[in-house]
Amino acid sequence: MTKIIMHGCNGHMGQTISKIVAEDTLVEIVAGVDPFDDGHNTYPVFSSIDKCDVEADVVIDFASAKAEDALIDWCAAKNMPVVVCTTGLSEEQITHIHDASTKTAILKSANMSLGINTFFKLLQDAAKVLAPAGFDIELVEKHHNQKLDAPSGTALALADSIKEVLDDDYFYKYDRSQERAKRDPKEIGISAVRGGTIVGEHEIIFAGEDEVIEFKHTAYSKAVFGKGAVEAAKFLAGQKPGMYDMRDVIAAK
């Protein structure tokens, strides 16, 4: 059984993951970390990671970015694998994570959903065939009205995966409102929509002459990210130091 420390256990995602783990016989949360706790969890909760003295196999991190550096230092010192799901990290923190991966196994992905990470491969296969045939590529992402960043990290990761299999002349176009010009055949258009309580929707359009092919992924609840994080934790426990992502989890299945 994989023993997990849930970093950020009393946040929305921490509680979502706690419920998922409670129904999975292959994993167990043995401790949580959160500065705010009312004692309702079935496992012990520590106010900071440095106070946690419970033996575990892996950490799932869904906490505040301001707690990230202390977590990464703790995991590196203890050779504790960690699944990093916290968003809004600075470039310095991302560099810190990569440096720490020489000492412990770290998994970080822009999106933890198993579905969206399978999506990456499908899009690459399509782009390799359709882009050389003259199909234009457009990406539209939709999220709730409380989301601060645009375009989303997932949208950028999807665009990166497409560009990865195309020639170097392709580039991203985020906004066409400030120019009046014909579309460049080498551009990958990215549009962001913010409204209501949309959890996450990503649509990629390949538009050719007289035909259009659309790929779409829709997340109806944040539970999909929690399920992916738990699968990532199962995979990462016991791995050698290094950087991993959700594609490694899928490849291991």
C-alpha atoms as a PDB file:
ATOM      1  CA  MET A   1       0.000   0.000   0.000  1.00  0.00           C
ATOM      2  CA  THR A   2       1.264   3.471  -0.918  1.00  0.00           C
ATOM      3  CA  LYS A   3       1.405   5.802   2.094  1.00  0.00           C
ATOM      4  CA  ILE A   4       0.705   9.454   1.255  1.00  0.00           C
ATOM      5  CA  ILE A   5       1.273  12.779   3.012  1.00  0.00           C
ATOM      6  CA  MET A   6      -1.372  15.234   1.783  1.00  0.00           C
ATOM      7  CA  HIS A   7       0.207  18.714   1.668  1.00  0.00           C
ATOM      8  CA  GLY A   8      -2.656  21.218   1.720  1.00  0.00           C
ATOM      9  CA  CYS A   9      -5.076  18.636   3.110  1.00  0.00           C
ATOM     10  CA  ASN A  10      -7.844  21.039   4.133  1.00  0.00           C
ATOM     11  CA  GLY A  11      -8.076  22.888   0.845  1.00  0.00           C
ATOM     12  CA  HIS A  12     -10.717  21.961  -1.731  1.00  0.00           C
ATOM     13  CA  MET A  13      -8.414  19.620  -3.654  1.00  0.00           C
ATOM     14  CA  GLY A  14      -6.910  18.194  -0.469  1.00  0.00           C
ATOM     15  CA  GLN A  15     -10.365  17.167   0.736  1.00  0.00           C
ATOM     16  CA  THR A  16     -11.286  15.847  -2.722  1.00  0.00           C
ATOM     17  CA  ILE A  17      -8.192  13.650  -2.725  1.00  0.00           C
ATOM     18  CA  SER A  18      -8.905  12.502   0.837  1.00  0.00           C
ATOM     19  CA  LYS A  19     -12.295  11.177  -0.329  1.00  0.00           C
ATOM     20  CA  ILE A  20     -10.779   9.488  -3.390  1.00  0.00           C
ATOM     21  CA  VAL A  21      -8.093   7.781  -1.282  1.00  0.00           C
ATOM     22  CA  ALA A  22     -10.677   6.599   1.271  1.00  0.00           C
ATOM     23  CA  GLU A  23     -12.269   4.500  -1.484  1.00  0.00           C
ATOM     24  CA  ASP A  24      -8.991   3.121  -2.880  1.00  0.00           C
ATOM     25  CA  THR A  25      -7.548   0.065  -1.136  1.00  0.00           C
ATOM     26  CA  LEU A  26      -4.110   0.573  -2.705  1.00  0.00           C
ATOM     27  CA  VAL A  27      -3.361   3.918  -1.048  1.00  0.00           C
ATOM     28  CA  GLU A  28      -3.662   5.554   2.365  1.00  0.00           C
ATOM     29  CA  ILE A  29      -3.187   9.109   3.621  1.00  0.00           C
ATOM     30  CA  VAL A  30      -1.083   8.750   6.759  1.00  0.00           C
ATOM     31  CA  ALA A  31      -0.683  12.473   7.485  1.00  0.00           C
ATOM     32  CA  GLY A  32      -1.809  15.875   6.320  1.00  0.00           C
ATOM     33  CA  VAL A  33      -0.209  19.311   6.361  1.00  0.00           C
ATOM     34  CA  ASP A  34      -2.281  22.474   6.650  1.00  0.00           C
ATOM     35  CA  PRO A  35      -1.995  25.600   8.822  1.00  0.00           C
ATOM     36  CA  PHE A  36      -5.756  25.498   9.427  1.00  0.00           C
ATOM     37  CA  ASP A  37      -7.278  22.368  10.961  1.00  0.00           C
ATOM     38  CA  ASP A  38     -10.436  21.651  12.955  1.00  0.00           C
ATOM     39  CA  GLY A  39      -9.665  18.005  13.648  1.00  0.00           C
ATOM     40  CA  HIS A  40     -12.191  16.490  11.235  1.00  0.00           C
ATOM     41  CA  ASN A  41      -9.692  14.399   9.243  1.00  0.00           C
ATOM     42  CA  THR A  42      -9.108  10.719  10.007  1.00  0.00           C
ATOM     43  CA  TYR A  43      -5.320  11.235   9.861  1.00  0.00           C
ATOM     44  CA  PRO A  44      -3.005  13.509  11.916  1.00  0.00           C
ATOM     45  CA  VAL A  45      -2.548  17.028  10.553  1.00  0.00           C
ATOM     46  CA  PHE A  46       0.576  19.140  11.049  1.00  0.00           C
ATOM     47  CA  SER A  47       0.695  22.916  10.691  1.00  0.00           C
ATOM     48  CA  SER A  48       3.843  22.810   8.530  1.00  0.00           C
ATOM     49  CA  ILE A  49       5.803  20.165   6.656  1.00  0.00           C
ATOM     50  CA  ASP A  50       8.866  20.462   8.910  1.00  0.00           C
ATOM     51  CA  LYS A  51       6.738  19.302  11.864  1.00  0.00           C
ATOM     52  CA  CYS A  52       5.569  16.135  10.106  1.00  0.00           C
ATOM     53  CA  ASP A  53       7.257  13.045  11.579  1.00  0.00           C
ATOM     54  CA  VAL A  54       5.082  10.333  10.015  1.00  0.00           C
ATOM     55  CA  GLU A  55       6.701   7.749   7.730  1.00  0.00           C
ATOM     56  CA  ALA A  56       5.353   7.827   4.160  1.00  0.00           C
ATOM     57  CA  ASP A  57       6.184   6.880   0.575  1.00  0.00           C
ATOM     58  CA  VAL A  58       5.183  10.055  -1.285  1.00  0.00           C
ATOM     59  CA  VAL A  59       3.739  13.549  -0.883  1.00  0.00           C
ATOM     60  CA  ILE A  60       0.865  14.989  -2.898  1.00  0.00           C
ATOM     61  CA  ASP A  61       1.138  18.782  -2.961  1.00  0.00           C
ATOM     62  CA  PHE A  62      -2.002  20.850  -3.542  1.00  0.00           C
ATOM     63  CA  ALA A  63      -1.185  23.826  -1.319  1.00  0.00           C
ATOM     64  CA  SER A  64      -0.295  27.516  -1.530  1.00  0.00           C
ATOM     65  CA  ALA A  65       2.681  28.560  -3.638  1.00  0.00           C
ATOM     66  CA  LYS A  66       4.158  30.337  -0.610  1.00  0.00           C
ATOM     67  CA  ALA A  67       4.633  26.950   1.090  1.00  0.00           C
ATOM     68  CA  GLU A  68       6.370  25.368  -1.901  1.00  0.00           C
ATOM     69  CA  ASP A  69      10.014  26.136  -1.129  1.00  0.00           C
ATOM     70  CA  ALA A  70       9.859  24.647   2.372  1.00  0.00           C
ATOM     71  CA  LEU A  71       8.152  21.516   1.018  1.00  0.00           C
ATOM     72  CA  ILE A  72      10.700  20.989  -1.746  1.00  0.00           C
ATOM     73  CA  ASP A  73      13.622  21.450   0.668  1.00  0.00           C
ATOM     74  CA  TRP A  74      12.053  18.928   3.083  1.00  0.00           C
ATOM     75  CA  CYS A  75      11.431  16.364   0.338  1.00  0.00           C
ATOM     76  CA  ALA A  76      14.948  16.754  -1.073  1.00  0.00           C
ATOM     77  CA  ALA A  77      16.503  16.319   2.383  1.00  0.00           C
ATOM     78  CA  LYS A  78      14.479  13.163   3.084  1.00  0.00           C
ATOM     79  CA  ASN A  79      14.601  11.756  -0.473  1.00  0.00           C
ATOM     80  CA  MET A  80      10.795  11.865  -0.396  1.00  0.00           C
ATOM     81  CA  PRO A  81       9.038  11.695  -3.801  1.00  0.00           C
ATOM     82  CA  VAL A  82       6.536  14.498  -4.339  1.00  0.00           C
ATOM     83  CA  VAL A  83       3.708  15.070  -6.817  1.00  0.00           C
ATOM     84  CA  VAL A  84       3.611  18.845  -7.334  1.00  0.00           C
ATOM     85  CA  CYS A  85       0.095  20.010  -8.200  1.00  0.00           C
ATOM     86  CA  THR A  86       0.307  23.538  -6.755  1.00  0.00           C
ATOM     87  CA  THR A  87      -0.147  26.261  -9.386  1.00  0.00           C
ATOM     88  CA  GLY A  88       1.025  29.868  -9.607  1.00  0.00           C
ATOM     89  CA  LEU A  89       4.673  28.993  -8.973  1.00  0.00           C
ATOM     90  CA  SER A  90       7.346  31.534  -9.876  1.00  0.00           C
ATOM     91  CA  GLU A  91      10.166  30.837 -12.314  1.00  0.00           C
ATOM     92  CA  GLU A  92      12.525  30.722  -9.333  1.00  0.00           C
ATOM     93  CA  GLN A  93      10.377  28.076  -7.647  1.00  0.00           C
ATOM     94  CA  ILE A  94      10.223  25.986 -10.813  1.00  0.00           C
ATOM     95  CA  THR A  95      14.024  26.145 -11.034  1.00  0.00           C
ATOM     96  CA  HIS A  96      14.179  25.129  -7.369  1.00  0.00           C
ATOM     97  CA  ILE A  97      11.983  22.093  -8.134  1.00  0.00           C
ATOM     98  CA  HIS A  98      14.193  21.020 -11.034  1.00  0.00           C
ATOM     99  CA  ASP A  99      17.317  21.391  -8.883  1.00  0.00           C
ATOM    100  CA  ALA A 100      15.740  19.274  -6.130  1.00  0.00           C
ATOM    101  CA  SER A 101      14.901  16.526  -8.627  1.00  0.00           C
ATOM    102  CA  THR A 102      18.581  15.501  -8.557  1.00  0.00           C
ATOM    103  CA  LYS A 103      17.956  14.340  -4.973  1.00  0.00           C
ATOM    104  CA  THR A 104      14.409  12.942  -5.133  1.00  0.00           C
ATOM    105  CA  ALA A 105      11.693  11.972  -7.598  1.00  0.00           C
ATOM    106  CA  ILE A 106       9.402  14.880  -8.515  1.00  0.00           C
ATOM    107  CA  LEU A 107       6.362  14.728 -10.779  1.00  0.00           C
ATOM    108  CA  LYS A 108       4.959  17.990 -12.122  1.00  0.00           C
ATOM    109  CA  SER A 109       2.399  18.477 -14.899  1.00  0.00           C
ATOM    110  CA  ALA A 110       0.366  21.454 -16.075  1.00  0.00           C
ATOM    111  CA  ASN A 111      -2.750  19.305 -15.704  1.00  0.00           C
ATOM    112  CA  MET A 112      -3.148  16.169 -13.581  1.00  0.00           C
ATOM    113  CA  SER A 113      -6.093  14.695 -15.524  1.00  0.00           C
ATOM    114  CA  LEU A 114      -5.361  11.299 -17.098  1.00  0.00           C
ATOM    115  CA  GLY A 115      -7.710  12.248 -19.932  1.00  0.00           C
ATOM    116  CA  ILE A 116      -6.002  15.513 -20.817  1.00  0.00           C
ATOM    117  CA  ASN A 117      -2.583  13.853 -20.784  1.00  0.00           C
ATOM    118  CA  THR A 118      -3.804  11.154 -23.181  1.00  0.00           C
ATOM    119  CA  PHE A 119      -5.112  14.079 -25.242  1.00  0.00           C
ATOM    120  CA  PHE A 120      -1.534  15.300 -25.785  1.00  0.00           C
ATOM    121  CA  LYS A 121      -0.611  12.189 -27.786  1.00  0.00           C
ATOM    122  CA  LEU A 122      -3.802  12.294 -29.888  1.00  0.00           C
ATOM    123  CA  LEU A 123      -3.159  15.912 -30.829  1.00  0.00           C
ATOM    124  CA  GLN A 124       0.422  15.227 -31.802  1.00  0.00           C
ATOM    125  CA  ASP A 125      -0.641  12.385 -34.078  1.00  0.00           C
ATOM    126  CA  ALA A 126      -3.262  14.621 -35.703  1.00  0.00           C
ATOM    127  CA  ALA A 127      -0.912  17.599 -36.094  1.00  0.00           C
ATOM    128  CA  LYS A 128       1.743  15.521 -37.849  1.00  0.00           C
ATOM    129  CA  VAL A 129      -0.782  14.608 -40.541  1.00  0.00           C
ATOM    130  CA  LEU A 130      -3.001  17.686 -40.777  1.00  0.00           C
ATOM    131  CA  ALA A 131      -0.579  20.624 -40.425  1.00  0.00           C
ATOM    132  CA  PRO A 132       1.542  19.647 -43.469  1.00  0.00           C
ATOM    133  CA  ALA A 133      -1.726  19.248 -45.396  1.00  0.00           C
ATOM    134  CA  GLY A 134      -2.505  22.936 -44.813  1.00  0.00           C
ATOM    135  CA  PHE A 135      -4.931  22.736 -41.890  1.00  0.00           C
ATOM    136  CA  ASP A 136      -5.031  25.831 -39.663  1.00  0.00           C
ATOM    137  CA  ILE A 137      -4.730  25.167 -35.903  1.00  0.00           C
ATOM    138  CA  GLU A 138      -6.791  27.021 -33.302  1.00  0.00           C
ATOM    139  CA  LEU A 139      -7.108  26.371 -29.568  1.00  0.00           C
ATOM    140  CA  VAL A 140      -9.983  27.673 -27.424  1.00  0.00           C
ATOM    141  CA  GLU A 141      -9.903  27.212 -23.650  1.00  0.00           C
ATOM    142  CA  LYS A 142     -12.715  28.011 -21.213  1.00  0.00           C
ATOM    143  CA  HIS A 143     -12.560  28.358 -17.421  1.00  0.00           C
ATOM    144  CA  HIS A 144     -14.521  29.824 -14.513  1.00  0.00           C
ATOM    145  CA  ASN A 145     -14.641  33.553 -13.840  1.00  0.00           C
ATOM    146  CA  GLN A 146     -12.334  33.305 -10.817  1.00  0.00           C
ATOM    147  CA  LYS A 147      -9.323  32.018 -12.770  1.00  0.00           C
ATOM    148  CA  LEU A 148      -6.522  34.574 -12.763  1.00  0.00           C
ATOM    149  CA  ASP A 149      -4.240  33.438 -15.593  1.00  0.00           C
ATOM    150  CA  ALA A 150      -5.016  33.402 -19.308  1.00  0.00           C
ATOM    151  CA  PRO A 151      -4.335  31.411 -21.333  1.00  0.00           C
ATOM    152  CA  SER A 152      -4.332  28.481 -18.923  1.00  0.00           C
ATOM    153  CA  GLY A 153      -1.244  26.426 -18.231  1.00  0.00           C
ATOM    154  CA  THR A 154      -2.990  23.441 -19.781  1.00  0.00           C
ATOM    155  CA  ALA A 155      -3.713  25.393 -22.969  1.00  0.00           C
ATOM    156  CA  LEU A 156      -0.064  26.354 -23.256  1.00  0.00           C
ATOM    157  CA  ALA A 157       1.001  22.751 -22.607  1.00  0.00           C
ATOM    158  CA  LEU A 158      -1.372  21.509 -25.319  1.00  0.00           C
ATOM    159  CA  ALA A 159      -0.035  24.101 -27.753  1.00  0.00           C
ATOM    160  CA  ASP A 160       3.533  23.155 -26.842  1.00  0.00           C
ATOM    161  CA  SER A 161       2.807  19.482 -27.495  1.00  0.00           C
ATOM    162  CA  ILE A 162       1.479  20.339 -30.966  1.00  0.00           C
ATOM    163  CA  LYS A 163       4.378  22.664 -31.791  1.00  0.00           C
ATOM    164  CA  GLU A 164       6.797  19.969 -30.638  1.00  0.00           C
ATOM    165  CA  VAL A 165       6.011  17.829 -33.696  1.00  0.00           C
ATOM    166  CA  LEU A 166       5.888  20.702 -36.229  1.00  0.00           C
ATOM    167  CA  ASP A 167       8.645  22.703 -37.851  1.00  0.00           C
ATOM    168  CA  ASP A 168      10.212  25.683 -36.094  1.00  0.00           C
ATOM    169  CA  ASP A 169       8.303  28.240 -38.197  1.00  0.00           C
ATOM    170  CA  TYR A 170       5.098  27.714 -36.212  1.00  0.00           C
ATOM    171  CA  PHE A 171       4.326  30.318 -33.542  1.00  0.00           C
ATOM    172  CA  TYR A 172       1.555  31.237 -31.074  1.00  0.00           C
ATOM    173  CA  LYS A 173      -0.947  34.041 -31.627  1.00  0.00           C
ATOM    174  CA  TYR A 174      -2.803  35.062 -28.442  1.00  0.00           C
ATOM    175  CA  ASP A 175      -4.705  38.108 -29.640  1.00  0.00           C
ATOM    176  CA  ARG A 176      -5.707  39.326 -33.104  1.00  0.00           C
ATOM    177  CA  SER A 177      -7.707  42.342 -31.939  1.00  0.00           C
ATOM    178  CA  GLN A 178      -4.856  44.808 -32.336  1.00  0.00           C
ATOM    179  CA  GLU A 179      -4.032  44.072 -35.961  1.00  0.00           C
ATOM    180  CA  ARG A 180      -5.884  43.886 -39.245  1.00  0.00           C
ATOM    181  CA  ALA A 181      -4.134  41.228 -41.274  1.00  0.00           C
ATOM    182  CA  LYS A 182      -4.675  37.879 -42.901  1.00  0.00           C
ATOM    183  CA  ARG A 183      -4.015  34.847 -40.748  1.00  0.00           C
ATOM    184  CA  ASP A 184      -0.487  33.468 -41.037  1.00  0.00           C
ATOM    185  CA  PRO A 185      -0.636  29.761 -42.022  1.00  0.00           C
ATOM    186  CA  LYS A 186       2.058  29.000 -39.449  1.00  0.00           C
ATOM    187  CA  GLU A 187       0.290  30.478 -36.444  1.00  0.00           C
ATOM    188  CA  ILE A 188      -1.378  28.494 -33.675  1.00  0.00           C
ATOM    189  CA  GLY A 189      -4.227  30.654 -32.397  1.00  0.00           C
ATOM    190  CA  ILE A 190      -4.986  30.546 -28.676  1.00  0.00           C
ATOM    191  CA  SER A 191      -8.178  32.095 -27.242  1.00  0.00           C
ATOM    192  CA  ALA A 192      -9.315  32.262 -23.603  1.00  0.00           C
ATOM    193  CA  VAL A 193     -12.900  32.439 -22.308  1.00  0.00           C
ATOM    194  CA  ARG A 194     -13.717  33.190 -18.649  1.00  0.00           C
ATOM    195  CA  GLY A 195     -17.201  32.782 -17.241  1.00  0.00           C
ATOM    196  CA  GLY A 196     -19.458  31.189 -14.661  1.00  0.00           C
ATOM    197  CA  THR A 197     -18.255  28.022 -12.991  1.00  0.00           C
ATOM    198  CA  ILE A 198     -16.678  26.260 -15.983  1.00  0.00           C
ATOM    199  CA  VAL A 199     -14.182  23.810 -14.484  1.00  0.00           C
ATOM    200  CA  GLY A 200     -12.110  23.461 -17.634  1.00  0.00           C
ATOM    201  CA  GLU A 201     -12.703  22.989 -21.335  1.00  0.00           C
ATOM    202  CA  HIS A 202     -10.075  22.767 -24.075  1.00  0.00           C
ATOM    203  CA  GLU A 203     -10.952  22.532 -27.751  1.00  0.00           C
ATOM    204  CA  ILE A 204      -8.437  22.211 -30.582  1.00  0.00           C
ATOM    205  CA  ILE A 205      -9.659  22.937 -34.088  1.00  0.00           C
ATOM    206  CA  PHE A 206      -7.912  21.760 -37.247  1.00  0.00           C
ATOM    207  CA  ALA A 207      -9.568  23.751 -40.037  1.00  0.00           C
ATOM    208  CA  GLY A 208      -8.787  22.722 -43.596  1.00  0.00           C
ATOM    209  CA  GLU A 209     -10.327  23.415 -46.979  1.00  0.00           C
ATOM    210  CA  ASP A 210     -13.950  22.243 -46.857  1.00  0.00           C
ATOM    211  CA  GLU A 211     -13.463  20.183 -43.678  1.00  0.00           C
ATOM    212  CA  VAL A 212     -12.926  20.770 -39.967  1.00  0.00           C
ATOM    213  CA  ILE A 213     -11.733  18.314 -37.314  1.00  0.00           C
ATOM    214  CA  GLU A 214     -12.287  19.189 -33.635  1.00  0.00           C
ATOM    215  CA  PHE A 215     -10.808  17.612 -30.514  1.00  0.00           C
ATOM    216  CA  LYS A 216     -12.318  18.510 -27.160  1.00  0.00           C
ATOM    217  CA  HIS A 217     -11.715  17.698 -23.504  1.00  0.00           C
ATOM    218  CA  THR A 218     -14.152  18.817 -20.796  1.00  0.00           C
ATOM    219  CA  ALA A 219     -13.634  18.508 -17.055  1.00  0.00           C
ATOM    220  CA  TYR A 220     -16.962  18.511 -15.204  1.00  0.00           C
ATOM    221  CA  SER A 221     -15.452  18.553 -11.719  1.00  0.00           C
ATOM    222  CA  LYS A 222     -12.066  18.978 -10.078  1.00  0.00           C
ATOM    223  CA  ALA A 223     -12.207  15.328  -9.046  1.00  0.00           C
ATOM    224  CA  VAL A 224     -10.520  14.392 -12.347  1.00  0.00           C
ATOM    225  CA  PHE A 225      -7.400  16.241 -11.202  1.00  0.00           C
ATOM    226  CA  GLY A 226      -7.517  14.494  -7.831  1.00  0.00           C
ATOM    227  CA  LYS A 227      -7.813  11.052  -9.430  1.00  0.00           C
ATOM    228  CA  GLY A 228      -4.821  11.828 -11.617  1.00  0.00           C
ATOM    229  CA  ALA A 229      -2.789  13.002  -8.620  1.00  0.00           C
ATOM    230  CA  VAL A 230      -3.488   9.747  -6.758  1.00  0.00           C
ATOM    231  CA  GLU A 231      -2.441   7.667  -9.785  1.00  0.00           C
ATOM    232  CA  ALA A 232       0.695   9.814 -10.042  1.00  0.00           C
ATOM    233  CA  ALA A 233       1.490   9.146  -6.373  1.00  0.00           C
ATOM    234  CA  LYS A 234       1.179   5.378  -6.884  1.00  0.00           C
ATOM    235  CA  PHE A 235       3.575   5.622  -9.832  1.00  0.00           C
ATOM    236  CA  LEU A 236       6.108   7.951  -8.194  1.00  0.00           C
ATOM    237  CA  ALA A 237       6.586   6.086  -4.903  1.00  0.00           C
ATOM    238  CA  GLY A 238       9.907   4.286  -5.111  1.00  0.00           C
ATOM    239  CA  GLN A 239      11.089   5.968  -8.327  1.00  0.00           C
ATOM    240  CA  LYS A 240      14.677   7.171  -8.725  1.00  0.00           C
ATOM    241  CA  PRO A 241      15.460  10.910  -8.443  1.00  0.00           C
ATOM    242  CA  GLY A 242      14.482  12.914 -11.524  1.00  0.00           C
ATOM    243  CA  MET A 243      11.691  14.913 -13.133  1.00  0.00           C
ATOM    244  CA  TYR A 244       8.552  13.062 -14.216  1.00  0.00           C
ATOM    245  CA  ASP A 245       5.193  14.077 -15.669  1.00  0.00           C
ATOM    246  CA  MET A 246       1.786  12.520 -16.266  1.00  0.00           C
ATOM    247  CA  ARG A 247       2.895  11.063 -19.569  1.00  0.00           C
ATOM    248  CA  ASP A 248       5.241   8.814 -17.593  1.00  0.00           C
ATOM    249  CA  VAL A 249       2.273   7.662 -15.497  1.00  0.00           C
ATOM    250  CA  ILE A 250       0.248   6.827 -18.606  1.00  0.00           C
ATOM    251  CA  ALA A 251       3.185   5.055 -20.270  1.00  0.00           C
ATOM    252  CA  ALA A 252       3.584   2.842 -17.177  1.00  0.00           C
ATOM    253  CA  LYS A 253      -0.016   1.603 -17.314  1.00  0.00           C
END
